[in-house]
């Protein structure tokens, strides 16, 4: 297992709620774990162009 580091960043409250709901649905330890799952998926299987160039401006 790699070393975990603590970071601080801001997300919207509905994003936090969604992460918490996914953690509960999939029996993950917490929202932190849900976020790590998402990051691992994006890093391993995600397409950078799709992730970062597709416009999803839901809060603009």
PDB file of N, CA and C in Angstrom:
ATOM      1  N   UNK A   1       0.841  -1.179   0.000  1.00  0.00           N
ATOM      2  CA  UNK A   1       0.000   0.000   0.000  1.00  0.00           C
ATOM      3  C   UNK A   1       0.885   1.241   0.000  1.00  0.00           C
ATOM      4  N   UNK A   2       0.508   2.193  -0.807  1.00  0.00           N
ATOM      5  CA  UNK A   2       1.260   3.441  -0.853  1.00  0.00           C
ATOM      6  C   UNK A   2       0.885   4.322   0.326  1.00  0.00           C
ATOM      7  N   UNK A   3       1.750   5.268   0.604  1.00  0.00           N
ATOM      8  CA  UNK A   3       1.519   6.186   1.717  1.00  0.00           C
ATOM      9  C   UNK A   3       0.383   7.151   1.385  1.00  0.00           C
ATOM     10  N   UNK A   4      -0.568   7.271   2.272  1.00  0.00           N
ATOM     11  CA  UNK A   4      -1.645   8.237   2.125  1.00  0.00           C
ATOM     12  C   UNK A   4      -1.165   9.572   2.690  1.00  0.00           C
ATOM     13  N   UNK A   5      -1.569  10.635   2.013  1.00  0.00           N
ATOM     14  CA  UNK A   5      -1.248  11.981   2.477  1.00  0.00           C
ATOM     15  C   UNK A   5      -2.549  12.728   2.694  1.00  0.00           C
ATOM     16  N   UNK A   6      -2.511  13.690   3.579  1.00  0.00           N
ATOM     17  CA  UNK A   6      -3.676  14.517   3.838  1.00  0.00           C
ATOM     18  C   UNK A   6      -3.598  15.751   2.953  1.00  0.00           C
ATOM     19  N   UNK A   7      -4.701  16.030   2.255  1.00  0.00           N
ATOM     20  CA  UNK A   7      -4.780  17.226   1.421  1.00  0.00           C
ATOM     21  C   UNK A   7      -6.058  17.973   1.773  1.00  0.00           C
ATOM     22  N   UNK A   8      -6.084  19.219   1.436  1.00  0.00           N
ATOM     23  CA  UNK A   8      -7.269  20.035   1.688  1.00  0.00           C
ATOM     24  C   UNK A   8      -7.683  20.683   0.374  1.00  0.00           C
ATOM     25  N   UNK A   9      -8.965  20.546   0.043  1.00  0.00           N
ATOM     26  CA  UNK A   9      -9.500  21.208  -1.134  1.00  0.00           C
ATOM     27  C   UNK A   9     -10.984  21.424  -0.924  1.00  0.00           C
ATOM     28  N   UNK A  10     -11.575  22.227  -1.780  1.00  0.00           N
ATOM     29  CA  UNK A  10     -12.982  22.557  -1.631  1.00  0.00           C
ATOM     30  C   UNK A  10     -13.814  21.847  -2.689  1.00  0.00           C
ATOM     31  N   UNK A  11     -14.957  21.317  -2.261  1.00  0.00           N
ATOM     32  CA  UNK A  11     -15.953  20.766  -3.166  1.00  0.00           C
ATOM     33  C   UNK A  11     -17.306  21.321  -2.739  1.00  0.00           C
ATOM     34  N   UNK A  12     -18.270  21.201  -3.615  1.00  0.00           N
ATOM     35  CA  UNK A  12     -19.618  21.670  -3.305  1.00  0.00           C
ATOM     36  C   UNK A  12     -20.279  20.696  -2.327  1.00  0.00           C
ATOM     37  N   UNK A  13     -21.248  21.172  -1.582  1.00  0.00           N
ATOM     38  CA  UNK A  13     -21.898  20.324  -0.580  1.00  0.00           C
ATOM     39  C   UNK A  13     -22.623  19.138  -1.217  1.00  0.00           C
ATOM     40  N   UNK A  14     -23.197  19.322  -2.409  1.00  0.00           N
ATOM     41  CA  UNK A  14     -23.861  18.190  -3.055  1.00  0.00           C
ATOM     42  C   UNK A  14     -22.861  17.140  -3.527  1.00  0.00           C
ATOM     43  N   UNK A  15     -21.636  17.570  -3.844  1.00  0.00           N
ATOM     44  CA  UNK A  15     -20.588  16.612  -4.205  1.00  0.00           C
ATOM     45  C   UNK A  15     -20.181  15.786  -2.982  1.00  0.00           C
ATOM     46  N   UNK A  16     -20.060  16.453  -1.841  1.00  0.00           N
ATOM     47  CA  UNK A  16     -19.763  15.744  -0.593  1.00  0.00           C
ATOM     48  C   UNK A  16     -20.874  14.754  -0.265  1.00  0.00           C
ATOM     49  N   UNK A  17     -22.116  15.191  -0.403  1.00  0.00           N
ATOM     50  CA  UNK A  17     -23.253  14.315  -0.126  1.00  0.00           C
ATOM     51  C   UNK A  17     -23.228  13.087  -1.039  1.00  0.00           C
ATOM     52  N   UNK A  18     -22.902  13.304  -2.310  1.00  0.00           N
ATOM     53  CA  UNK A  18     -22.840  12.210  -3.280  1.00  0.00           C
ATOM     54  C   UNK A  18     -21.742  11.209  -2.899  1.00  0.00           C
ATOM     55  N   UNK A  19     -20.568  11.724  -2.530  1.00  0.00           N
ATOM     56  CA  UNK A  19     -19.478  10.835  -2.110  1.00  0.00           C
ATOM     57  C   UNK A  19     -19.880  10.034  -0.872  1.00  0.00           C
ATOM     58  N   UNK A  20     -20.509  10.684   0.080  1.00  0.00           N
ATOM     59  CA  UNK A  20     -20.948   9.990   1.292  1.00  0.00           C
ATOM     60  C   UNK A  20     -21.984   8.917   0.970  1.00  0.00           C
ATOM     61  N   UNK A  21     -22.898   9.227   0.053  1.00  0.00           N
ATOM     62  CA  UNK A  21     -23.916   8.251  -0.347  1.00  0.00           C
ATOM     63  C   UNK A  21     -23.284   7.048  -1.040  1.00  0.00           C
ATOM     64  N   UNK A  22     -22.294   7.288  -1.890  1.00  0.00           N
ATOM     65  CA  UNK A  22     -21.613   6.180  -2.583  1.00  0.00           C
ATOM     66  C   UNK A  22     -20.834   5.325  -1.585  1.00  0.00           C
ATOM     67  N   UNK A  23     -20.225   5.967  -0.611  1.00  0.00           N
ATOM     68  CA  UNK A  23     -19.498   5.217   0.412  1.00  0.00           C
ATOM     69  C   UNK A  23     -20.449   4.294   1.160  1.00  0.00           C
ATOM     70  N   UNK A  24     -21.630   4.809   1.485  1.00  0.00           N
ATOM     71  CA  UNK A  24     -22.612   3.987   2.198  1.00  0.00           C
ATOM     72  C   UNK A  24     -23.157   2.875   1.298  1.00  0.00           C
ATOM     73  N   UNK A  25     -23.515   3.215   0.073  1.00  0.00           N
ATOM     74  CA  UNK A  25     -24.074   2.230  -0.866  1.00  0.00           C
ATOM     75  C   UNK A  25     -23.117   1.074  -1.114  1.00  0.00           C
ATOM     76  N   UNK A  26     -21.840   1.384  -1.253  1.00  0.00           N
ATOM     77  CA  UNK A  26     -20.852   0.361  -1.601  1.00  0.00           C
ATOM     78  C   UNK A  26     -20.023  -0.099  -0.409  1.00  0.00           C
ATOM     79  N   UNK A  27     -20.514   0.210   0.788  1.00  0.00           N
ATOM     80  CA  UNK A  27     -19.881  -0.252   2.020  1.00  0.00           C
ATOM     81  C   UNK A  27     -18.398   0.126   2.098  1.00  0.00           C
ATOM     82  N   UNK A  28     -18.114   1.362   1.731  1.00  0.00           N
ATOM     83  CA  UNK A  28     -16.760   1.887   1.840  1.00  0.00           C
ATOM     84  C   UNK A  28     -16.617   2.564   3.198  1.00  0.00           C
ATOM     85  N   UNK A  29     -15.410   2.719   3.642  1.00  0.00           N
ATOM     86  CA  UNK A  29     -15.171   3.272   4.980  1.00  0.00           C
ATOM     87  C   UNK A  29     -15.744   4.672   5.155  1.00  0.00           C
ATOM     88  N   UNK A  30     -15.622   5.498   4.127  1.00  0.00           N
ATOM     89  CA  UNK A  30     -16.071   6.890   4.224  1.00  0.00           C
ATOM     90  C   UNK A  30     -15.987   7.555   2.853  1.00  0.00           C
ATOM     91  N   UNK A  31     -16.330   8.842   2.819  1.00  0.00           N
ATOM     92  CA  UNK A  31     -16.290   9.595   1.563  1.00  0.00           C
ATOM     93  C   UNK A  31     -14.861   9.707   1.032  1.00  0.00           C
ATOM     94  N   UNK A  32     -13.882   9.731   1.924  1.00  0.00           N
ATOM     95  CA  UNK A  32     -12.481   9.781   1.487  1.00  0.00           C
ATOM     96  C   UNK A  32     -12.151   8.578   0.606  1.00  0.00           C
ATOM     97  N   UNK A  33     -12.593   7.405   1.034  1.00  0.00           N
ATOM     98  CA  UNK A  33     -12.352   6.185   0.266  1.00  0.00           C
ATOM     99  C   UNK A  33     -13.079   6.246  -1.078  1.00  0.00           C
ATOM    100  N   UNK A  34     -14.301   6.758  -1.078  1.00  0.00           N
ATOM    101  CA  UNK A  34     -15.050   6.886  -2.334  1.00  0.00           C
ATOM    102  C   UNK A  34     -14.295   7.779  -3.314  1.00  0.00           C
ATOM    103  N   UNK A  35     -13.733   8.856  -2.826  1.00  0.00           N
ATOM    104  CA  UNK A  35     -12.961   9.746  -3.691  1.00  0.00           C
ATOM    105  C   UNK A  35     -11.703   9.053  -4.209  1.00  0.00           C
ATOM    106  N   UNK A  36     -11.030   8.288  -3.351  1.00  0.00           N
ATOM    107  CA  UNK A  36      -9.833   7.558  -3.802  1.00  0.00           C
ATOM    108  C   UNK A  36     -10.188   6.539  -4.878  1.00  0.00           C
ATOM    109  N   UNK A  37     -11.354   5.882  -4.748  1.00  0.00           N
ATOM    110  CA  UNK A  37     -11.810   4.933  -5.769  1.00  0.00           C
ATOM    111  C   UNK A  37     -11.982   5.663  -7.103  1.00  0.00           C
ATOM    112  N   UNK A  38     -12.626   6.827  -7.064  1.00  0.00           N
ATOM    113  CA  UNK A  38     -12.816   7.618  -8.287  1.00  0.00           C
ATOM    114  C   UNK A  38     -11.491   8.034  -8.901  1.00  0.00           C
ATOM    115  N   UNK A  39     -10.570   8.496  -8.072  1.00  0.00           N
ATOM    116  CA  UNK A  39      -9.269   8.917  -8.582  1.00  0.00           C
ATOM    117  C   UNK A  39      -8.503   7.744  -9.190  1.00  0.00           C
ATOM    118  N   UNK A  40      -8.525   6.596  -8.526  1.00  0.00           N
ATOM    119  CA  UNK A  40      -7.842   5.416  -9.068  1.00  0.00           C
ATOM    120  C   UNK A  40      -8.425   5.025 -10.417  1.00  0.00           C
ATOM    121  N   UNK A  41      -9.753   5.058 -10.525  1.00  0.00           N
ATOM    122  CA  UNK A  41     -10.394   4.718 -11.798  1.00  0.00           C
ATOM    123  C   UNK A  41      -9.981   5.701 -12.889  1.00  0.00           C
ATOM    124  N   UNK A  42     -10.037   6.985 -12.576  1.00  0.00           N
ATOM    125  CA  UNK A  42      -9.668   8.001 -13.561  1.00  0.00           C
ATOM    126  C   UNK A  42      -8.210   7.853 -13.983  1.00  0.00           C
ATOM    127  N   UNK A  43      -7.332   7.563 -13.039  1.00  0.00           N
ATOM    128  CA  UNK A  43      -5.908   7.431 -13.342  1.00  0.00           C
ATOM    129  C   UNK A  43      -5.618   6.190 -14.181  1.00  0.00           C
ATOM    130  N   UNK A  44      -6.324   5.093 -13.924  1.00  0.00           N
ATOM    131  CA  UNK A  44      -6.034   3.833 -14.604  1.00  0.00           C
ATOM    132  C   UNK A  44      -6.831   3.650 -15.890  1.00  0.00           C
ATOM    133  N   UNK A  45      -8.094   3.975 -15.857  1.00  0.00           N
ATOM    134  CA  UNK A  45      -8.976   3.659 -16.977  1.00  0.00           C
ATOM    135  C   UNK A  45      -9.609   4.881 -17.625  1.00  0.00           C
ATOM    136  N   UNK A  46      -9.450   6.024 -17.031  1.00  0.00           N
ATOM    137  CA  UNK A  46     -10.090   7.218 -17.565  1.00  0.00           C
ATOM    138  C   UNK A  46      -9.358   7.766 -18.779  1.00  0.00           C
ATOM    139  N   UNK A  47     -10.087   8.436 -19.620  1.00  0.00           N
ATOM    140  CA  UNK A  47      -9.512   9.101 -20.776  1.00  0.00           C
ATOM    141  C   UNK A  47      -9.384  10.584 -20.444  1.00  0.00           C
ATOM    142  N   UNK A  48      -8.152  11.070 -20.378  1.00  0.00           N
ATOM    143  CA  UNK A  48      -7.920  12.460 -19.980  1.00  0.00           C
ATOM    144  C   UNK A  48      -8.727  13.441 -20.824  1.00  0.00           C
ATOM    145  N   UNK A  49      -8.775  13.217 -22.117  1.00  0.00           N
ATOM    146  CA  UNK A  49      -9.499  14.128 -22.994  1.00  0.00           C
ATOM    147  C   UNK A  49     -10.981  14.161 -22.621  1.00  0.00           C
ATOM    148  N   UNK A  50     -11.567  13.006 -22.405  1.00  0.00           N
ATOM    149  CA  UNK A  50     -12.976  12.941 -22.020  1.00  0.00           C
ATOM    150  C   UNK A  50     -13.198  13.599 -20.667  1.00  0.00           C
ATOM    151  N   UNK A  51     -12.325  13.327 -19.727  1.00  0.00           N
ATOM    152  CA  UNK A  51     -12.487  13.857 -18.372  1.00  0.00           C
ATOM    153  C   UNK A  51     -12.317  15.374 -18.333  1.00  0.00           C
ATOM    154  N   UNK A  52     -11.275  15.884 -18.992  1.00  0.00           N
ATOM    155  CA  UNK A  52     -10.928  17.293 -18.816  1.00  0.00           C
ATOM    156  C   UNK A  52     -11.368  18.215 -19.942  1.00  0.00           C
ATOM    157  N   UNK A  53     -11.771  17.676 -21.069  1.00  0.00           N
ATOM    158  CA  UNK A  53     -12.180  18.533 -22.173  1.00  0.00           C
ATOM    159  C   UNK A  53     -13.676  18.523 -22.438  1.00  0.00           C
ATOM    160  N   UNK A  54     -14.396  17.596 -21.818  1.00  0.00           N
ATOM    161  CA  UNK A  54     -15.847  17.575 -21.975  1.00  0.00           C
ATOM    162  C   UNK A  54     -16.447  18.626 -21.054  1.00  0.00           C
ATOM    163  N   UNK A  55     -17.237  19.505 -21.609  1.00  0.00           N
ATOM    164  CA  UNK A  55     -17.825  20.592 -20.824  1.00  0.00           C
ATOM    165  C   UNK A  55     -18.963  20.046 -19.966  1.00  0.00           C
ATOM    166  N   UNK A  56     -18.825  20.181 -18.659  1.00  0.00           N
ATOM    167  CA  UNK A  56     -19.867  19.794 -17.704  1.00  0.00           C
ATOM    168  C   UNK A  56     -20.053  20.920 -16.708  1.00  0.00           C
ATOM    169  N   UNK A  57     -20.321  22.062 -17.214  1.00  0.00           N
ATOM    170  CA  UNK A  57     -20.386  23.247 -16.359  1.00  0.00           C
ATOM    171  C   UNK A  57     -21.731  23.325 -15.648  1.00  0.00           C
ATOM    172  N   UNK A  58     -21.889  22.528 -14.612  1.00  0.00           N
ATOM    173  CA  UNK A  58     -23.158  22.489 -13.883  1.00  0.00           C
ATOM    174  C   UNK A  58     -23.271  23.620 -12.861  1.00  0.00           C
ATOM    175  N   UNK A  59     -22.175  24.320 -12.619  1.00  0.00           N
ATOM    176  CA  UNK A  59     -22.194  25.388 -11.619  1.00  0.00           C
ATOM    177  C   UNK A  59     -21.750  26.740 -12.164  1.00  0.00           C
ATOM    178  N   UNK A  60     -21.684  26.858 -13.463  1.00  0.00           N
ATOM    179  CA  UNK A  60     -21.251  28.122 -14.090  1.00  0.00           C
ATOM    180  C   UNK A  60     -22.356  29.151 -14.078  1.00  0.00           C
TER     181      UNK A  60
END
